[in-house]
Amino acid sequence: MESQLASATPEMAVRLRTTIDRFDVTESLAKVQVPTLVIHASGDALHPLSQGRLLATSIPGAEFKLVESNNHIFLKSTPAWDEIMSATFEFLGRERER
């Protein structure tokens, strides 16, 4: 939250959010042809769990990792940071072996 407040005025944050909310890439997800790991926070206040699951199920072969966190953006100070990094490195290691 602090980083959001420092990076944009409330008015600009609303404009950014409104613009971002207009993007719909749903139809393009089936075309993704690269290994994909979707990590979603269980308590993400911006994007509900259903959106994370939709993203993962719409990308062919994507993996889904749910982490216990309320953070939308994962920072090193996020309690789930170690779990996120571990899942990421495990995913990358498996992909490297293919």
PDB file of N, CA and C in Angstrom:
ATOM      1  N   MET A   1       0.823  -1.194   0.000  1.00  0.00           N
ATOM      2  CA  MET A   1       0.000   0.000   0.000  1.00  0.00           C
ATOM      3  C   MET A   1       0.869   1.261   0.000  1.00  0.00           C
ATOM      4  N   GLU A   2       1.937   1.252   0.772  1.00  0.00           N
ATOM      5  CA  GLU A   2       2.812   2.421   0.828  1.00  0.00           C
ATOM      6  C   GLU A   2       3.407   2.734  -0.534  1.00  0.00           C
ATOM      7  N   SER A   3       3.825   1.678  -1.253  1.00  0.00           N
ATOM      8  CA  SER A   3       4.425   1.909  -2.565  1.00  0.00           C
ATOM      9  C   SER A   3       3.396   2.474  -3.540  1.00  0.00           C
ATOM     10  N   GLN A   4       2.141   2.040  -3.422  1.00  0.00           N
ATOM     11  CA  GLN A   4       1.093   2.580  -4.291  1.00  0.00           C
ATOM     12  C   GLN A   4       0.861   4.055  -3.997  1.00  0.00           C
ATOM     13  N   LEU A   5       0.821   4.406  -2.725  1.00  0.00           N
ATOM     14  CA  LEU A   5       0.596   5.797  -2.354  1.00  0.00           C
ATOM     15  C   LEU A   5       1.757   6.687  -2.797  1.00  0.00           C
ATOM     16  N   ALA A   6       2.966   6.157  -2.770  1.00  0.00           N
ATOM     17  CA  ALA A   6       4.134   6.935  -3.159  1.00  0.00           C
ATOM     18  C   ALA A   6       4.275   7.053  -4.672  1.00  0.00           C
ATOM     19  N   SER A   7       3.668   6.150  -5.424  1.00  0.00           N
ATOM     20  CA  SER A   7       3.879   6.134  -6.872  1.00  0.00           C
ATOM     21  C   SER A   7       2.796   6.833  -7.682  1.00  0.00           C
ATOM     22  N   ALA A   8       1.659   7.142  -7.077  1.00  0.00           N
ATOM     23  CA  ALA A   8       0.589   7.791  -7.836  1.00  0.00           C
ATOM     24  C   ALA A   8      -0.355   8.532  -6.888  1.00  0.00           C
ATOM     25  N   THR A   9      -0.891   9.631  -7.390  1.00  0.00           N
ATOM     26  CA  THR A   9      -1.913  10.336  -6.618  1.00  0.00           C
ATOM     27  C   THR A   9      -3.174   9.475  -6.618  1.00  0.00           C
ATOM     28  N   PRO A  10      -4.078   9.700  -5.689  1.00  0.00           N
ATOM     29  CA  PRO A  10      -5.333   8.939  -5.703  1.00  0.00           C
ATOM     30  C   PRO A  10      -6.084   9.066  -7.028  1.00  0.00           C
ATOM     31  N   GLU A  11      -6.069  10.256  -7.603  1.00  0.00           N
ATOM     32  CA  GLU A  11      -6.757  10.466  -8.877  1.00  0.00           C
ATOM     33  C   GLU A  11      -6.114   9.645  -9.997  1.00  0.00           C
ATOM     34  N   MET A  12      -4.771   9.640 -10.027  1.00  0.00           N
ATOM     35  CA  MET A  12      -4.064   8.877 -11.050  1.00  0.00           C
ATOM     36  C   MET A  12      -4.279   7.380 -10.836  1.00  0.00           C
ATOM     37  N   ALA A  13      -4.309   6.944  -9.603  1.00  0.00           N
ATOM     38  CA  ALA A  13      -4.547   5.528  -9.309  1.00  0.00           C
ATOM     39  C   ALA A  13      -5.916   5.095  -9.831  1.00  0.00           C
ATOM     40  N   VAL A  14      -6.913   5.932  -9.674  1.00  0.00           N
ATOM     41  CA  VAL A  14      -8.253   5.624 -10.185  1.00  0.00           C
ATOM     42  C   VAL A  14      -8.223   5.558 -11.710  1.00  0.00           C
ATOM     43  N   ARG A  15      -7.553   6.509 -12.349  1.00  0.00           N
ATOM     44  CA  ARG A  15      -7.456   6.497 -13.815  1.00  0.00           C
ATOM     45  C   ARG A  15      -6.739   5.242 -14.310  1.00  0.00           C
ATOM     46  N   LEU A  16      -5.651   4.872 -13.643  1.00  0.00           N
ATOM     47  CA  LEU A  16      -4.922   3.662 -14.027  1.00  0.00           C
ATOM     48  C   LEU A  16      -5.794   2.422 -13.864  1.00  0.00           C
ATOM     49  N   ARG A  17      -6.473   2.323 -12.721  1.00  0.00           N
ATOM     50  CA  ARG A  17      -7.320   1.157 -12.452  1.00  0.00           C
ATOM     51  C   ARG A  17      -8.442   1.064 -13.485  1.00  0.00           C
ATOM     52  N   THR A  18      -9.057   2.194 -13.817  1.00  0.00           N
ATOM     53  CA  THR A  18     -10.137   2.226 -14.798  1.00  0.00           C
ATOM     54  C   THR A  18      -9.628   1.766 -16.166  1.00  0.00           C
ATOM     55  N   THR A  19      -8.447   2.218 -16.534  1.00  0.00           N
ATOM     56  CA  THR A  19      -7.857   1.829 -17.817  1.00  0.00           C
ATOM     57  C   THR A  19      -7.531   0.337 -17.828  1.00  0.00           C
ATOM     58  N   ILE A  20      -6.899  -0.136 -16.776  1.00  0.00           N
ATOM     59  CA  ILE A  20      -6.533  -1.550 -16.693  1.00  0.00           C
ATOM     60  C   ILE A  20      -7.771  -2.441 -16.742  1.00  0.00           C
ATOM     61  N   ASP A  21      -8.831  -2.020 -16.082  1.00  0.00           N
ATOM     62  CA  ASP A  21     -10.052  -2.820 -16.046  1.00  0.00           C
ATOM     63  C   ASP A  21     -10.710  -2.970 -17.419  1.00  0.00           C
ATOM     64  N   ARG A  22     -10.342  -2.133 -18.372  1.00  0.00           N
ATOM     65  CA  ARG A  22     -10.898  -2.231 -19.729  1.00  0.00           C
ATOM     66  C   ARG A  22     -10.227  -3.315 -20.559  1.00  0.00           C
ATOM     67  N   PHE A  23      -9.050  -3.739 -20.153  1.00  0.00           N
ATOM     68  CA  PHE A  23      -8.331  -4.772 -20.903  1.00  0.00           C
ATOM     69  C   PHE A  23      -9.000  -6.118 -20.689  1.00  0.00           C
ATOM     70  N   ASP A  24      -9.197  -6.836 -21.765  1.00  0.00           N
ATOM     71  CA  ASP A  24      -9.737  -8.187 -21.681  1.00  0.00           C
ATOM     72  C   ASP A  24      -8.940  -9.061 -22.642  1.00  0.00           C
ATOM     73  N   VAL A  25      -8.089  -9.888 -22.079  1.00  0.00           N
ATOM     74  CA  VAL A  25      -7.239 -10.755 -22.898  1.00  0.00           C
ATOM     75  C   VAL A  25      -7.751 -12.196 -22.907  1.00  0.00           C
ATOM     76  N   THR A  26      -8.955 -12.402 -22.415  1.00  0.00           N
ATOM     77  CA  THR A  26      -9.516 -13.744 -22.283  1.00  0.00           C
ATOM     78  C   THR A  26      -9.407 -14.544 -23.572  1.00  0.00           C
ATOM     79  N   GLU A  27      -9.743 -13.935 -24.695  1.00  0.00           N
ATOM     80  CA  GLU A  27      -9.722 -14.653 -25.968  1.00  0.00           C
ATOM     81  C   GLU A  27      -8.305 -15.004 -26.424  1.00  0.00           C
ATOM     82  N   SER A  28      -7.304 -14.311 -25.923  1.00  0.00           N
ATOM     83  CA  SER A  28      -5.918 -14.568 -26.323  1.00  0.00           C
ATOM     84  C   SER A  28      -5.242 -15.637 -25.471  1.00  0.00           C
ATOM     85  N   LEU A  29      -5.804 -15.953 -24.321  1.00  0.00           N
ATOM     86  CA  LEU A  29      -5.138 -16.869 -23.395  1.00  0.00           C
ATOM     87  C   LEU A  29      -4.902 -18.252 -23.990  1.00  0.00           C
ATOM     88  N   ALA A  30      -5.828 -18.750 -24.780  1.00  0.00           N
ATOM     89  CA  ALA A  30      -5.677 -20.078 -25.382  1.00  0.00           C
ATOM     90  C   ALA A  30      -4.521 -20.125 -26.378  1.00  0.00           C
ATOM     91  N   LYS A  31      -4.048 -18.977 -26.821  1.00  0.00           N
ATOM     92  CA  LYS A  31      -2.955 -18.914 -27.786  1.00  0.00           C
ATOM     93  C   LYS A  31      -1.574 -18.920 -27.127  1.00  0.00           C
ATOM     94  N   VAL A  32      -1.534 -18.798 -25.820  1.00  0.00           N
ATOM     95  CA  VAL A  32      -0.246 -18.785 -25.111  1.00  0.00           C
ATOM     96  C   VAL A  32       0.414 -20.149 -25.275  1.00  0.00           C
ATOM     97  N   GLN A  33       1.650 -20.140 -25.740  1.00  0.00           N
ATOM     98  CA  GLN A  33       2.346 -21.388 -26.026  1.00  0.00           C
ATOM     99  C   GLN A  33       3.654 -21.522 -25.249  1.00  0.00           C
ATOM    100  N   VAL A  34       3.743 -20.884 -24.122  1.00  0.00           N
ATOM    101  CA  VAL A  34       4.940 -20.978 -23.285  1.00  0.00           C
ATOM    102  C   VAL A  34       4.545 -21.521 -21.917  1.00  0.00           C
ATOM    103  N   PRO A  35       5.466 -22.179 -21.242  1.00  0.00           N
ATOM    104  CA  PRO A  35       5.161 -22.647 -19.888  1.00  0.00           C
ATOM    105  C   PRO A  35       4.749 -21.471 -19.003  1.00  0.00           C
ATOM    106  N   THR A  36       3.688 -21.671 -18.258  1.00  0.00           N
ATOM    107  CA  THR A  36       3.122 -20.573 -17.471  1.00  0.00           C
ATOM    108  C   THR A  36       2.819 -21.027 -16.058  1.00  0.00           C
ATOM    109  N   LEU A  37       3.251 -20.217 -15.104  1.00  0.00           N
ATOM    110  CA  LEU A  37       2.923 -20.429 -13.701  1.00  0.00           C
ATOM    111  C   LEU A  37       2.126 -19.227 -13.237  1.00  0.00           C
ATOM    112  N   VAL A  38       0.916 -19.462 -12.787  1.00  0.00           N
ATOM    113  CA  VAL A  38       0.066 -18.395 -12.257  1.00  0.00           C
ATOM    114  C   VAL A  38       0.102 -18.508 -10.741  1.00  0.00           C
ATOM    115  N   ILE A  39       0.589 -17.467 -10.080  1.00  0.00           N
ATOM    116  CA  ILE A  39       0.616 -17.429  -8.620  1.00  0.00           C
ATOM    117  C   ILE A  39      -0.414 -16.405  -8.177  1.00  0.00           C
ATOM    118  N   HIS A  40      -1.286 -16.826  -7.272  1.00  0.00           N
ATOM    119  CA  HIS A  40      -2.373 -15.951  -6.835  1.00  0.00           C
ATOM    120  C   HIS A  40      -2.450 -15.937  -5.312  1.00  0.00           C
ATOM    121  N   ALA A  41      -2.669 -14.782  -4.751  1.00  0.00           N
ATOM    122  CA  ALA A  41      -2.814 -14.640  -3.304  1.00  0.00           C
ATOM    123  C   ALA A  41      -4.256 -14.927  -2.900  1.00  0.00           C
ATOM    124  N   SER A  42      -4.412 -15.716  -1.865  1.00  0.00           N
ATOM    125  CA  SER A  42      -5.752 -16.109  -1.420  1.00  0.00           C
ATOM    126  C   SER A  42      -6.607 -14.910  -1.016  1.00  0.00           C
ATOM    127  N   GLY A  43      -5.976 -13.868  -0.498  1.00  0.00           N
ATOM    128  CA  GLY A  43      -6.732 -12.703  -0.040  1.00  0.00           C
ATOM    129  C   GLY A  43      -6.553 -11.468  -0.895  1.00  0.00           C
ATOM    130  N   ASP A  44      -6.217 -11.658  -2.169  1.00  0.00           N
ATOM    131  CA  ASP A  44      -6.024 -10.524  -3.075  1.00  0.00           C
ATOM    132  C   ASP A  44      -7.321  -9.724  -3.171  1.00  0.00           C
ATOM    133  N   ALA A  45      -7.268  -8.469  -2.745  1.00  0.00           N
ATOM    134  CA  ALA A  45      -8.467  -7.627  -2.729  1.00  0.00           C
ATOM    135  C   ALA A  45      -8.785  -7.043  -4.105  1.00  0.00           C
ATOM    136  N   LEU A  46      -7.805  -7.002  -5.010  1.00  0.00           N
ATOM    137  CA  LEU A  46      -8.045  -6.452  -6.344  1.00  0.00           C
ATOM    138  C   LEU A  46      -8.614  -7.485  -7.305  1.00  0.00           C
ATOM    139  N   HIS A  47      -8.097  -8.694  -7.226  1.00  0.00           N
ATOM    140  CA  HIS A  47      -8.519  -9.743  -8.148  1.00  0.00           C
ATOM    141  C   HIS A  47      -8.935 -10.966  -7.346  1.00  0.00           C
ATOM    142  N   PRO A  48     -10.191 -11.336  -7.417  1.00  0.00           N
ATOM    143  CA  PRO A  48     -10.650 -12.504  -6.659  1.00  0.00           C
ATOM    144  C   PRO A  48      -9.998 -13.794  -7.142  1.00  0.00           C
ATOM    145  N   LEU A  49     -10.020 -14.775  -6.299  1.00  0.00           N
ATOM    146  CA  LEU A  49      -9.444 -16.086  -6.597  1.00  0.00           C
ATOM    147  C   LEU A  49      -9.980 -16.649  -7.915  1.00  0.00           C
ATOM    148  N   SER A  50     -11.244 -16.403  -8.189  1.00  0.00           N
ATOM    149  CA  SER A  50     -11.841 -16.919  -9.428  1.00  0.00           C
ATOM    150  C   SER A  50     -11.114 -16.392 -10.664  1.00  0.00           C
ATOM    151  N   GLN A  51     -10.604 -15.169 -10.610  1.00  0.00           N
ATOM    152  CA  GLN A  51      -9.877 -14.619 -11.753  1.00  0.00           C
ATOM    153  C   GLN A  51      -8.534 -15.306 -11.944  1.00  0.00           C
ATOM    154  N   GLY A  52      -7.856 -15.600 -10.845  1.00  0.00           N
ATOM    155  CA  GLY A  52      -6.587 -16.312 -10.936  1.00  0.00           C
ATOM    156  C   GLY A  52      -6.785 -17.707 -11.500  1.00  0.00           C
ATOM    157  N   ARG A  53      -7.822 -18.376 -11.026  1.00  0.00           N
ATOM    158  CA  ARG A  53      -8.103 -19.733 -11.518  1.00  0.00           C
ATOM    159  C   ARG A  53      -8.516 -19.694 -12.997  1.00  0.00           C
ATOM    160  N   LEU A  54      -9.308 -18.695 -13.388  1.00  0.00           N
ATOM    161  CA  LEU A  54      -9.704 -18.559 -14.790  1.00  0.00           C
ATOM    162  C   LEU A  54      -8.480 -18.358 -15.674  1.00  0.00           C
ATOM    163  N   LEU A  55      -7.582 -17.526 -15.244  1.00  0.00           N
ATOM    164  CA  LEU A  55      -6.360 -17.284 -16.000  1.00  0.00           C
ATOM    165  C   LEU A  55      -5.593 -18.591 -16.196  1.00  0.00           C
ATOM    166  N   ALA A  56      -5.417 -19.333 -15.113  1.00  0.00           N
ATOM    167  CA  ALA A  56      -4.647 -20.582 -15.189  1.00  0.00           C
ATOM    168  C   ALA A  56      -5.343 -21.648 -16.026  1.00  0.00           C
ATOM    169  N   THR A  57      -6.643 -21.748 -15.930  1.00  0.00           N
ATOM    170  CA  THR A  57      -7.348 -22.778 -16.701  1.00  0.00           C
ATOM    171  C   THR A  57      -7.512 -22.388 -18.163  1.00  0.00           C
ATOM    172  N   SER A  58      -7.355 -21.122 -18.481  1.00  0.00           N
ATOM    173  CA  SER A  58      -7.508 -20.662 -19.865  1.00  0.00           C
ATOM    174  C   SER A  58      -6.212 -20.735 -20.665  1.00  0.00           C
ATOM    175  N   ILE A  59      -5.090 -20.880 -19.972  1.00  0.00           N
ATOM    176  CA  ILE A  59      -3.796 -20.999 -20.647  1.00  0.00           C
ATOM    177  C   ILE A  59      -3.444 -22.484 -20.718  1.00  0.00           C
ATOM    178  N   PRO A  60      -3.262 -23.014 -21.911  1.00  0.00           N
ATOM    179  CA  PRO A  60      -2.977 -24.446 -22.044  1.00  0.00           C
ATOM    180  C   PRO A  60      -1.770 -24.886 -21.211  1.00  0.00           C
ATOM    181  N   GLY A  61      -1.988 -25.877 -20.354  1.00  0.00           N
ATOM    182  CA  GLY A  61      -0.901 -26.442 -19.558  1.00  0.00           C
ATOM    183  C   GLY A  61      -0.408 -25.597 -18.404  1.00  0.00           C
ATOM    184  N   ALA A  62      -1.047 -24.480 -18.140  1.00  0.00           N
ATOM    185  CA  ALA A  62      -0.583 -23.600 -17.061  1.00  0.00           C
ATOM    186  C   ALA A  62      -0.727 -24.284 -15.709  1.00  0.00           C
ATOM    187  N   GLU A  63       0.182 -23.940 -14.822  1.00  0.00           N
ATOM    188  CA  GLU A  63       0.117 -24.402 -13.442  1.00  0.00           C
ATOM    189  C   GLU A  63      -0.416 -23.271 -12.576  1.00  0.00           C
ATOM    190  N   PHE A  64      -1.130 -23.638 -11.524  1.00  0.00           N
ATOM    191  CA  PHE A  64      -1.713 -22.653 -10.616  1.00  0.00           C
ATOM    192  C   PHE A  64      -1.166 -22.882  -9.221  1.00  0.00           C
ATOM    193  N   LYS A  65      -0.691 -21.832  -8.587  1.00  0.00           N
ATOM    194  CA  LYS A  65      -0.178 -21.900  -7.217  1.00  0.00           C
ATOM    195  C   LYS A  65      -0.895 -20.854  -6.387  1.00  0.00           C
ATOM    196  N   LEU A  66      -1.608 -21.306  -5.381  1.00  0.00           N
ATOM    197  CA  LEU A  66      -2.289 -20.409  -4.449  1.00  0.00           C
ATOM    198  C   LEU A  66      -1.406 -20.225  -3.225  1.00  0.00           C
ATOM    199  N   VAL A  67      -1.176 -18.986  -2.843  1.00  0.00           N
ATOM    200  CA  VAL A  67      -0.400 -18.706  -1.638  1.00  0.00           C
ATOM    201  C   VAL A  67      -1.261 -17.947  -0.644  1.00  0.00           C
ATOM    202  N   GLU A  68      -1.027 -18.210   0.610  1.00  0.00           N
ATOM    203  CA  GLU A  68      -1.755 -17.517   1.674  1.00  0.00           C
ATOM    204  C   GLU A  68      -1.151 -16.133   1.845  1.00  0.00           C
ATOM    205  N   SER A  69      -1.843 -15.138   1.331  1.00  0.00           N
ATOM    206  CA  SER A  69      -1.375 -13.759   1.401  1.00  0.00           C
ATOM    207  C   SER A  69      -2.535 -12.837   1.069  1.00  0.00           C
ATOM    208  N   ASN A  70      -2.469 -11.630   1.593  1.00  0.00           N
ATOM    209  CA  ASN A  70      -3.448 -10.606   1.245  1.00  0.00           C
ATOM    210  C   ASN A  70      -2.866  -9.617   0.242  1.00  0.00           C
ATOM    211  N   ASN A  71      -1.617  -9.813  -0.117  1.00  0.00           N
ATOM    212  CA  ASN A  71      -0.930  -8.877  -0.989  1.00  0.00           C
ATOM    213  C   ASN A  71      -1.257  -9.132  -2.453  1.00  0.00           C
ATOM    214  N   HIS A  72      -1.489  -8.061  -3.180  1.00  0.00           N
ATOM    215  CA  HIS A  72      -1.704  -8.155  -4.626  1.00  0.00           C
ATOM    216  C   HIS A  72      -0.353  -8.195  -5.332  1.00  0.00           C
ATOM    217  N   ILE A  73       0.587  -7.436  -4.812  1.00  0.00           N
ATOM    218  CA  ILE A  73       1.944  -7.398  -5.361  1.00  0.00           C
ATOM    219  C   ILE A  73       2.859  -8.061  -4.339  1.00  0.00           C
ATOM    220  N   PHE A  74       3.635  -9.023  -4.803  1.00  0.00           N
ATOM    221  CA  PHE A  74       4.504  -9.753  -3.895  1.00  0.00           C
ATOM    222  C   PHE A  74       5.852  -9.047  -3.783  1.00  0.00           C
ATOM    223  N   LEU A  75       6.160  -8.635  -2.579  1.00  0.00           N
ATOM    224  CA  LEU A  75       7.441  -8.020  -2.287  1.00  0.00           C
ATOM    225  C   LEU A  75       8.221  -8.944  -1.363  1.00  0.00           C
ATOM    226  N   LYS A  76       9.514  -8.693  -1.243  1.00  0.00           N
ATOM    227  CA  LYS A  76      10.341  -9.536  -0.385  1.00  0.00           C
ATOM    228  C   LYS A  76       9.823  -9.531   1.054  1.00  0.00           C
ATOM    229  N   SER A  77       9.162  -8.470   1.457  1.00  0.00           N
ATOM    230  CA  SER A  77       8.619  -8.381   2.817  1.00  0.00           C
ATOM    231  C   SER A  77       7.297  -9.138   2.980  1.00  0.00           C
ATOM    232  N   THR A  78       6.748  -9.646   1.873  1.00  0.00           N
ATOM    233  CA  THR A  78       5.517 -10.430   1.916  1.00  0.00           C
ATOM    234  C   THR A  78       5.784 -11.727   2.675  1.00  0.00           C
ATOM    235  N   PRO A  79       4.944 -12.066   3.673  1.00  0.00           N
ATOM    236  CA  PRO A  79       5.170 -13.306   4.422  1.00  0.00           C
ATOM    237  C   PRO A  79       5.278 -14.554   3.540  1.00  0.00           C
ATOM    238  N   ALA A  80       4.604 -14.575   2.411  1.00  0.00           N
ATOM    239  CA  ALA A  80       4.619 -15.745   1.527  1.00  0.00           C
ATOM    240  C   ALA A  80       5.780 -15.710   0.529  1.00  0.00           C
ATOM    241  N   TRP A  81       6.690 -14.751   0.676  1.00  0.00           N
ATOM    242  CA  TRP A  81       7.775 -14.567  -0.283  1.00  0.00           C
ATOM    243  C   TRP A  81       8.579 -15.848  -0.523  1.00  0.00           C
ATOM    244  N   ASP A  82       8.986 -16.518   0.552  1.00  0.00           N
ATOM    245  CA  ASP A  82       9.799 -17.728   0.398  1.00  0.00           C
ATOM    246  C   ASP A  82       9.037 -18.818  -0.356  1.00  0.00           C
ATOM    247  N   GLU A  83       7.757 -18.952  -0.073  1.00  0.00           N
ATOM    248  CA  GLU A  83       6.929 -19.940  -0.769  1.00  0.00           C
ATOM    249  C   GLU A  83       6.811 -19.596  -2.255  1.00  0.00           C
ATOM    250  N   ILE A  84       6.636 -18.330  -2.551  1.00  0.00           N
ATOM    251  CA  ILE A  84       6.522 -17.866  -3.935  1.00  0.00           C
ATOM    252  C   ILE A  84       7.815 -18.117  -4.695  1.00  0.00           C
ATOM    253  N   MET A  85       8.933 -17.778  -4.086  1.00  0.00           N
ATOM    254  CA  MET A  85      10.226 -17.976  -4.744  1.00  0.00           C
ATOM    255  C   MET A  85      10.516 -19.462  -4.926  1.00  0.00           C
ATOM    256  N   SER A  86      10.192 -20.259  -3.935  1.00  0.00           N
ATOM    257  CA  SER A  86      10.401 -21.699  -4.039  1.00  0.00           C
ATOM    258  C   SER A  86       9.579 -22.293  -5.185  1.00  0.00           C
ATOM    259  N   ALA A  87       8.311 -21.906  -5.276  1.00  0.00           N
ATOM    260  CA  ALA A  87       7.444 -22.391  -6.352  1.00  0.00           C
ATOM    261  C   ALA A  87       7.968 -21.934  -7.714  1.00  0.00           C
ATOM    262  N   THR A  88       8.451 -20.717  -7.777  1.00  0.00           N
ATOM    263  CA  THR A  88       8.973 -20.171  -9.032  1.00  0.00           C
ATOM    264  C   THR A  88      10.221 -20.924  -9.472  1.00  0.00           C
ATOM    265  N   PHE A  89      11.163 -21.115  -8.556  1.00  0.00           N
ATOM    266  CA  PHE A  89      12.392 -21.827  -8.906  1.00  0.00           C
ATOM    267  C   PHE A  89      12.121 -23.282  -9.253  1.00  0.00           C
ATOM    268  N   GLU A  90      11.182 -23.910  -8.547  1.00  0.00           N
ATOM    269  CA  GLU A  90      10.811 -25.292  -8.869  1.00  0.00           C
ATOM    270  C   GLU A  90      10.230 -25.367 -10.280  1.00  0.00           C
ATOM    271  N   PHE A  91       9.337 -24.444 -10.599  1.00  0.00           N
ATOM    272  CA  PHE A  91       8.726 -24.387 -11.928  1.00  0.00           C
ATOM    273  C   PHE A  91       9.789 -24.178 -13.003  1.00  0.00           C
ATOM    274  N   LEU A  92      10.677 -23.226 -12.786  1.00  0.00           N
ATOM    275  CA  LEU A  92      11.726 -22.947 -13.771  1.00  0.00           C
ATOM    276  C   LEU A  92      12.679 -24.130 -13.924  1.00  0.00           C
ATOM    277  N   GLY A  93      12.978 -24.812 -12.828  1.00  0.00           N
ATOM    278  CA  GLY A  93      13.850 -25.978 -12.892  1.00  0.00           C
ATOM    279  C   GLY A  93      13.235 -27.105 -13.711  1.00  0.00           C
ATOM    280  N   ARG A  94      11.933 -27.342 -13.500  1.00  0.00           N
ATOM    281  CA  ARG A  94      11.249 -28.379 -14.294  1.00  0.00           C
ATOM    282  C   ARG A  94      11.240 -28.005 -15.766  1.00  0.00           C
ATOM    283  N   GLU A  95      11.009 -26.761 -16.064  1.00  0.00           N
ATOM    284  CA  GLU A  95      10.956 -26.311 -17.463  1.00  0.00           C
ATOM    285  C   GLU A  95      12.328 -26.395 -18.109  1.00  0.00           C
ATOM    286  N   ARG A  96      13.347 -26.139 -17.347  1.00  0.00           N
ATOM    287  CA  ARG A  96      14.723 -26.197 -17.890  1.00  0.00           C
ATOM    288  C   ARG A  96      15.089 -27.632 -18.264  1.00  0.00           C
ATOM    289  N   GLU A  97      14.569 -28.596 -17.500  1.00  0.00           N
ATOM    290  CA  GLU A  97      14.868 -30.005 -17.744  1.00  0.00           C
ATOM    291  C   GLU A  97      14.145 -30.544 -18.986  1.00  0.00           C
ATOM    292  N   ARG A  98      13.103 -29.884 -19.427  1.00  0.00           N
ATOM    293  CA  ARG A  98      12.320 -30.366 -20.590  1.00  0.00           C
ATOM    294  C   ARG A  98      13.049 -30.171 -21.884  1.00  0.00           C
TER     295      ARG A  98
END
